[in-house]
C-alpha atoms as a PDB file:
ATOM      1  CA  MET A   1     154.005 -60.712  43.209  1.00  0.00           C
ATOM      2  CA  SER A   2     153.010 -58.689  46.274  1.00  0.00           C
ATOM      3  CA  ARG A   3     155.116 -55.997  47.154  1.00  0.00           C
ATOM      4  CA  MET A   4     155.665 -58.116  50.839  1.00  0.00           C
ATOM      5  CA  SER A   5     156.778 -60.938  48.484  1.00  0.00           C
ATOM      6  CA  LEU A   6     159.003 -58.414  46.663  1.00  0.00           C
ATOM      7  CA  TRP A   7     160.079 -56.491  49.738  1.00  0.00           C
ATOM      8  CA  ALA A   8     161.706 -59.745  51.603  1.00  0.00           C
ATOM      9  CA  LEU A   9     163.397 -61.696  47.916  1.00  0.00           C
ATOM     10  CA  THR A  10     165.074 -57.479  47.774  1.00  0.00           C
ATOM     11  CA  ALA A  11     166.511 -57.648  51.497  1.00  0.00           C
ATOM     12  CA  LYS A  12     166.902 -61.224  51.301  1.00  0.00           C
ATOM     13  CA  GLY A  13     169.242 -61.272  48.372  1.00  0.00           C
ATOM     14  CA  LEU A  14     171.509 -58.334  49.552  1.00  0.00           C
ATOM     15  CA  GLY A  15     172.308 -59.781  52.172  1.00  0.00           C
ATOM     16  CA  SER A  16     174.061 -58.335  55.418  1.00  0.00           C
ATOM     17  CA  ARG A  17     176.260 -55.940  53.044  1.00  0.00           C
ATOM     18  CA  MET A  18     174.010 -53.274  53.093  1.00  0.00           C
ATOM     19  CA  ARG A  19     171.764 -51.953  56.438  1.00  0.00           C
ATOM     20  CA  PHE A  20     168.309 -51.883  56.579  1.00  0.00           C
ATOM     21  CA  SER A  21     168.630 -47.811  57.074  1.00  0.00           C
ATOM     22  CA  GLN A  22     170.708 -48.150  53.722  1.00  0.00           C
ATOM     23  CA  LEU A  23     168.376 -49.466  52.057  1.00  0.00           C
ATOM     24  CA  VAL A  24     165.573 -47.928  53.253  1.00  0.00           C
ATOM     25  CA  VAL A  25     167.416 -44.659  51.634  1.00  0.00           C
ATOM     26  CA  LEU A  26     168.086 -46.402  48.403  1.00  0.00           C
ATOM     27  CA  LEU A  27     164.432 -47.132  48.223  1.00  0.00           C
ATOM     28  CA  SER A  28     163.396 -43.639  49.065  1.00  0.00           C
ATOM     29  CA  ALA A  29     165.699 -42.304  46.416  1.00  0.00           C
ATOM     30  CA  LEU A  30     164.243 -44.093  43.674  1.00  0.00           C
ATOM     31  CA  LEU A  31     160.784 -43.304  45.006  1.00  0.00           C
ATOM     32  CA  PHE A  32     160.781 -39.605  44.544  1.00  0.00           C
ATOM     33  CA  VAL A  33     162.580 -39.674  41.194  1.00  0.00           C
ATOM     34  CA  SER A  34     160.392 -42.251  39.701  1.00  0.00           C
ATOM     35  CA  CYS A  35     157.659 -40.830  41.020  1.00  0.00           C
ATOM     36  CA  LYS A  36     158.713 -36.935  39.708  1.00  0.00           C
ATOM     37  CA  VAL A  37     158.507 -35.560  42.787  1.00  0.00           C
ATOM     38  CA  TYR A  38     162.218 -33.982  42.780  1.00  0.00           C
ATOM     39  CA  THR A  39     164.997 -33.995  40.721  1.00  0.00           C
ATOM     40  CA  PHE A  40     168.497 -32.990  40.642  1.00  0.00           C
ATOM     41  CA  LYS A  41     168.466 -29.685  38.008  1.00  0.00           C
ATOM     42  CA  ASP A  42     164.857 -29.289  38.113  1.00  0.00           C
ATOM     43  CA  VAL A  43     164.183 -25.523  37.372  1.00  0.00           C
ATOM     44  CA  SER A  44     160.559 -23.629  36.961  1.00  0.00           C
ATOM     45  CA  ILE A  45     160.304 -22.681  33.578  1.00  0.00           C
ATOM     46  CA  PRO A  46     156.518 -23.190  31.894  1.00  0.00           C
ATOM     47  CA  PRO A  47     156.692 -24.769  28.372  1.00  0.00           C
ATOM     48  CA  GLU A  48     155.746 -21.563  26.608  1.00  0.00           C
ATOM     49  CA  VAL A  49     159.253 -20.170  27.937  1.00  0.00           C
ATOM     50  CA  LYS A  50     161.268 -20.140  25.417  1.00  0.00           C
ATOM     51  CA  THR A  51     163.811 -16.749  25.462  1.00  0.00           C
ATOM     52  CA  VAL A  52     166.020 -15.195  27.936  1.00  0.00           C
ATOM     53  CA  LYS A  53     167.368 -11.353  28.484  1.00  0.00           C
ATOM     54  CA  VAL A  54     169.638 -10.759  31.157  1.00  0.00           C
ATOM     55  CA  ASN A  55     170.374  -6.766  31.508  1.00  0.00           C
ATOM     56  CA  PHE A  56     173.276  -5.403  33.065  1.00  0.00           C
ATOM     57  CA  ILE A  57     173.491  -5.544  36.426  1.00  0.00           C
ATOM     58  CA  GLU A  58     174.235  -2.112  37.640  1.00  0.00           C
ATOM     59  CA  ASN A  59     176.258  -1.139  40.886  1.00  0.00           C
ATOM     60  CA  ARG A  60     174.028   1.615  43.210  1.00  0.00           C
ATOM     61  CA  ALA A  61     175.751   0.495  46.366  1.00  0.00           C
ATOM     62  CA  ARG A  62     177.829   3.183  48.551  1.00  0.00           C
ATOM     63  CA  TYR A  63     180.861   1.610  47.911  1.00  0.00           C
ATOM     64  CA  VAL A  64     181.024  -0.035  44.266  1.00  0.00           C
ATOM     65  CA  ASN A  65     183.573  -2.664  43.441  1.00  0.00           C
ATOM     66  CA  PRO A  66     183.739  -1.979  39.749  1.00  0.00           C
ATOM     67  CA  GLN A  67     183.994  -5.581  39.003  1.00  0.00           C
ATOM     68  CA  LEU A  68     181.453  -7.075  40.349  1.00  0.00           C
ATOM     69  CA  SER A  69     178.938  -6.118  37.898  1.00  0.00           C
ATOM     70  CA  PRO A  70     179.805  -6.686  34.526  1.00  0.00           C
ATOM     71  CA  ARG A  71     181.641 -10.662  36.281  1.00  0.00           C
ATOM     72  CA  LEU A  72     177.781 -10.812  37.893  1.00  0.00           C
ATOM     73  CA  THR A  73     175.994  -9.980  34.748  1.00  0.00           C
ATOM     74  CA  ASP A  74     178.443 -12.395  32.408  1.00  0.00           C
ATOM     75  CA  ARG A  75     178.612 -15.032  35.333  1.00  0.00           C
ATOM     76  CA  LEU A  76     174.736 -14.784  35.319  1.00  0.00           C
ATOM     77  CA  GLN A  77     174.002 -15.201  32.302  1.00  0.00           C
ATOM     78  CA  GLN A  78     176.517 -17.946  31.418  1.00  0.00           C
ATOM     79  CA  LYS A  79     174.307 -20.126  34.394  1.00  0.00           C
ATOM     80  CA  ILE A  80     170.968 -19.753  32.592  1.00  0.00           C
ATOM     81  CA  VAL A  81     172.145 -20.415  29.330  1.00  0.00           C
ATOM     82  CA  SER A  82     173.588 -23.553  30.429  1.00  0.00           C
ATOM     83  CA  GLN A  83     171.302 -25.266  33.272  1.00  0.00           C
ATOM     84  CA  THR A  84     168.176 -24.018  31.599  1.00  0.00           C
ATOM     85  CA  ARG A  85     166.662 -24.865  27.817  1.00  0.00           C
ATOM     86  CA  LEU A  86     166.342 -20.977  27.018  1.00  0.00           C
ATOM     87  CA  THR A  87     167.759 -18.854  24.834  1.00  0.00           C
ATOM     88  CA  ARG A  88     169.323 -16.236  25.199  1.00  0.00           C
ATOM     89  CA  SER A  89     167.941 -13.070  23.609  1.00  0.00           C
ATOM     90  CA  ASN A  90     169.212  -9.140  22.994  1.00  0.00           C
ATOM     91  CA  ASN A  91     166.028  -8.475  22.148  1.00  0.00           C
ATOM     92  CA  ASP A  92     163.701  -6.134  24.679  1.00  0.00           C
ATOM     93  CA  ASP A  93     160.437  -8.878  23.819  1.00  0.00           C
ATOM     94  CA  ALA A  94     162.020 -11.948  24.913  1.00  0.00           C
ATOM     95  CA  ASP A  95     159.861 -14.415  26.762  1.00  0.00           C
ATOM     96  CA  TRP A  96     162.044 -13.594  30.252  1.00  0.00           C
ATOM     97  CA  VAL A  97     163.710 -10.277  30.799  1.00  0.00           C
ATOM     98  CA  ILE A  98     165.864 -10.345  33.632  1.00  0.00           C
ATOM     99  CA  SER A  99     167.148  -7.268  35.073  1.00  0.00           C
ATOM    100  CA  GLY A 100     168.457  -5.833  38.604  1.00  0.00           C
ATOM    101  CA  TYR A 101     170.687  -3.799  40.301  1.00  0.00           C
ATOM    102  CA  VAL A 102     173.271  -4.154  43.730  1.00  0.00           C
ATOM    103  CA  SER A 103     171.625  -2.208  46.319  1.00  0.00           C
ATOM    104  CA  GLY A 104     174.082  -3.337  49.592  1.00  0.00           C
ATOM    105  CA  TYR A 105     177.570  -3.609  49.399  1.00  0.00           C
ATOM    106  CA  ASP A 106     178.558  -3.547  52.944  1.00  0.00           C
ATOM    107  CA  VAL A 107     180.995  -4.705  56.038  1.00  0.00           C
ATOM    108  CA  THR A 108     179.481  -5.315  59.714  1.00  0.00           C
ATOM    109  CA  THR A 109     181.661  -7.071  62.063  1.00  0.00           C
ATOM    110  CA  SER A 110     180.278 -10.406  62.664  1.00  0.00           C
ATOM    111  CA  GLY A 111     182.164 -11.764  65.352  1.00  0.00           C
ATOM    112  CA  ILE A 112     184.480 -10.047  68.752  1.00  0.00           C
ATOM    113  CA  SER A 113     187.398 -12.376  70.193  1.00  0.00           C
ATOM    114  CA  GLY A 114     187.976 -10.407  73.897  1.00  0.00           C
ATOM    115  CA  SER A 115     187.713  -6.982  73.266  1.00  0.00           C
ATOM    116  CA  GLN A 116     188.416  -6.726  68.762  1.00  0.00           C
ATOM    117  CA  ALA A 117     186.984  -7.590  65.804  1.00  0.00           C
ATOM    118  CA  SER A 118     187.574 -10.892  65.168  1.00  0.00           C
ATOM    119  CA  THR A 119     185.431 -11.473  61.962  1.00  0.00           C
ATOM    120  CA  ASN A 120     183.868  -9.250  59.239  1.00  0.00           C
ATOM    121  CA  ARG A 121     180.726  -9.784  57.162  1.00  0.00           C
ATOM    122  CA  LEU A 122     180.820  -8.434  53.643  1.00  0.00           C
ATOM    123  CA  ASN A 123     176.305  -8.249  52.686  1.00  0.00           C
ATOM    124  CA  VAL A 124     176.095  -7.518  48.809  1.00  0.00           C
ATOM    125  CA  THR A 125     172.023  -7.674  48.165  1.00  0.00           C
ATOM    126  CA  VAL A 126     170.473  -7.802  44.701  1.00  0.00           C
ATOM    127  CA  GLN A 127     167.078  -5.860  43.761  1.00  0.00           C
ATOM    128  CA  ILE A 128     166.520  -8.515  40.539  1.00  0.00           C
ATOM    129  CA  THR A 129     163.269  -7.833  38.517  1.00  0.00           C
ATOM    130  CA  LEU A 130     162.302 -10.702  35.939  1.00  0.00           C
ATOM    131  CA  MET A 131     159.650  -9.341  33.468  1.00  0.00           C
ATOM    132  CA  ASP A 132     157.492 -12.272  31.975  1.00  0.00           C
ATOM    133  CA  ASN A 133     156.601 -10.855  28.611  1.00  0.00           C
ATOM    134  CA  VAL A 134     154.498 -14.436  28.281  1.00  0.00           C
ATOM    135  CA  ALA A 135     152.097 -14.165  31.404  1.00  0.00           C
ATOM    136  CA  GLN A 136     152.368  -9.989  30.887  1.00  0.00           C
ATOM    137  CA  LYS A 137     153.346 -10.362  35.308  1.00  0.00           C
ATOM    138  CA  LYS A 138     156.417  -8.789  36.767  1.00  0.00           C
ATOM    139  CA  SER A 139     158.041 -10.576  39.696  1.00  0.00           C
ATOM    140  CA  GLU A 140     160.699  -8.733  41.645  1.00  0.00           C
ATOM    141  CA  TYR A 141     163.114 -10.114  43.928  1.00  0.00           C
ATOM    142  CA  SER A 142     165.611  -9.439  46.852  1.00  0.00           C
ATOM    143  CA  VAL A 143     168.743 -11.594  47.189  1.00  0.00           C
ATOM    144  CA  VAL A 144     171.510 -11.083  49.568  1.00  0.00           C
ATOM    145  CA  LYS A 145     174.621 -13.260  50.275  1.00  0.00           C
ATOM    146  CA  ILE A 146     176.612 -12.978  52.341  1.00  0.00           C
ATOM    147  CA  PHE A 147     180.713 -13.388  53.009  1.00  0.00           C
ATOM    148  CA  ASP A 148     182.849 -14.015  56.149  1.00  0.00           C
ATOM    149  CA  PHE A 149     186.281 -12.916  56.223  1.00  0.00           C
ATOM    150  CA  PRO A 150     188.833 -11.868  58.740  1.00  0.00           C
ATOM    151  CA  ALA A 151     189.347  -9.061  60.243  1.00  0.00           C
ATOM    152  CA  GLN A 152     192.622  -8.285  60.466  1.00  0.00           C
ATOM    153  CA  ALA A 153     191.814  -8.030  56.155  1.00  0.00           C
ATOM    154  CA  THR A 154     190.916  -4.888  54.128  1.00  0.00           C
ATOM    155  CA  LEU A 155     187.846  -4.824  51.890  1.00  0.00           C
ATOM    156  CA  GLN A 156     190.250  -5.005  49.076  1.00  0.00           C
ATOM    157  CA  GLN A 157     191.712  -7.990  50.688  1.00  0.00           C
ATOM    158  CA  ALA A 158     189.036  -9.694  51.478  1.00  0.00           C
ATOM    159  CA  GLU A 159     187.764  -8.638  47.677  1.00  0.00           C
ATOM    160  CA  GLN A 160     190.865 -10.187  46.474  1.00  0.00           C
ATOM    161  CA  ALA A 161     190.600 -13.704  48.742  1.00  0.00           C
ATOM    162  CA  LEU A 162     187.499 -14.495  47.812  1.00  0.00           C
ATOM    163  CA  GLY A 163     187.373 -14.134  44.232  1.00  0.00           C
ATOM    164  CA  GLU A 164     185.049 -15.710  42.014  1.00  0.00           C
ATOM    165  CA  GLU A 165     183.688 -17.565  45.462  1.00  0.00           C
ATOM    166  CA  LEU A 166     181.923 -13.694  45.807  1.00  0.00           C
ATOM    167  CA  ILE A 167     180.754 -13.563  42.278  1.00  0.00           C
ATOM    168  CA  ARG A 168     179.369 -17.616  41.999  1.00  0.00           C
ATOM    169  CA  GLY A 169     177.341 -16.969  45.546  1.00  0.00           C
ATOM    170  CA  VAL A 170     175.475 -14.209  44.030  1.00  0.00           C
ATOM    171  CA  SER A 171     174.637 -15.655  41.005  1.00  0.00           C
ATOM    172  CA  ASP A 172     173.584 -19.053  42.295  1.00  0.00           C
ATOM    173  CA  GLU A 173     171.658 -16.632  44.986  1.00  0.00           C
ATOM    174  CA  ILE A 174     169.833 -15.164  41.511  1.00  0.00           C
ATOM    175  CA  PHE A 175     169.279 -18.050  39.930  1.00  0.00           C
ATOM    176  CA  ASN A 176     167.913 -19.877  42.303  1.00  0.00           C
ATOM    177  CA  ARG A 177     165.939 -17.508  43.412  1.00  0.00           C
ATOM    178  CA  ILE A 178     164.758 -17.046  39.489  1.00  0.00           C
ATOM    179  CA  PHE A 179     164.397 -20.643  38.714  1.00  0.00           C
ATOM    180  CA  SER A 180     163.577 -22.466  41.772  1.00  0.00           C
ATOM    181  CA  ASN A 181     161.267 -20.091  43.931  1.00  0.00           C
ATOM    182  CA  TRP A 182     163.684 -20.402  47.101  1.00  0.00           C
END
């Protein structure tokens, strides 16, 4: 059966229940998944890499949020173990060793209404180093995540309101930068 006749049968069999554009989207998605062009849980880890060590992510920023470093380190470790095939190790000779530090934790004004600040922005910057002991290669990344909050709130109020979103957002950015090269 030719591709054209298969297309005609498929389109005819679906009738008016599905518009042409929906059919194109569906077929495109099937094509991408079947050709392995894109998978929804795709991380790029060489097959020879089996273990990972995540060192404590220090806070070297001018302003130190005492909860940030331990929670960020823990969240990143959990994300790596749950979303990759890597096994966590405490040895420095792990296939990959991830280390880093918070280099920036700064608040700036991001919105003005009238003559007053209406929105502030918390910029969290983390420097990450990935030591690939298998390939004997070192990669360094700078990850920045921003969070907006009302200007009427203090930084402490914003940190409390952002809570888990702050930790999740920064750890997701680090994970994506290391494992997906985004």
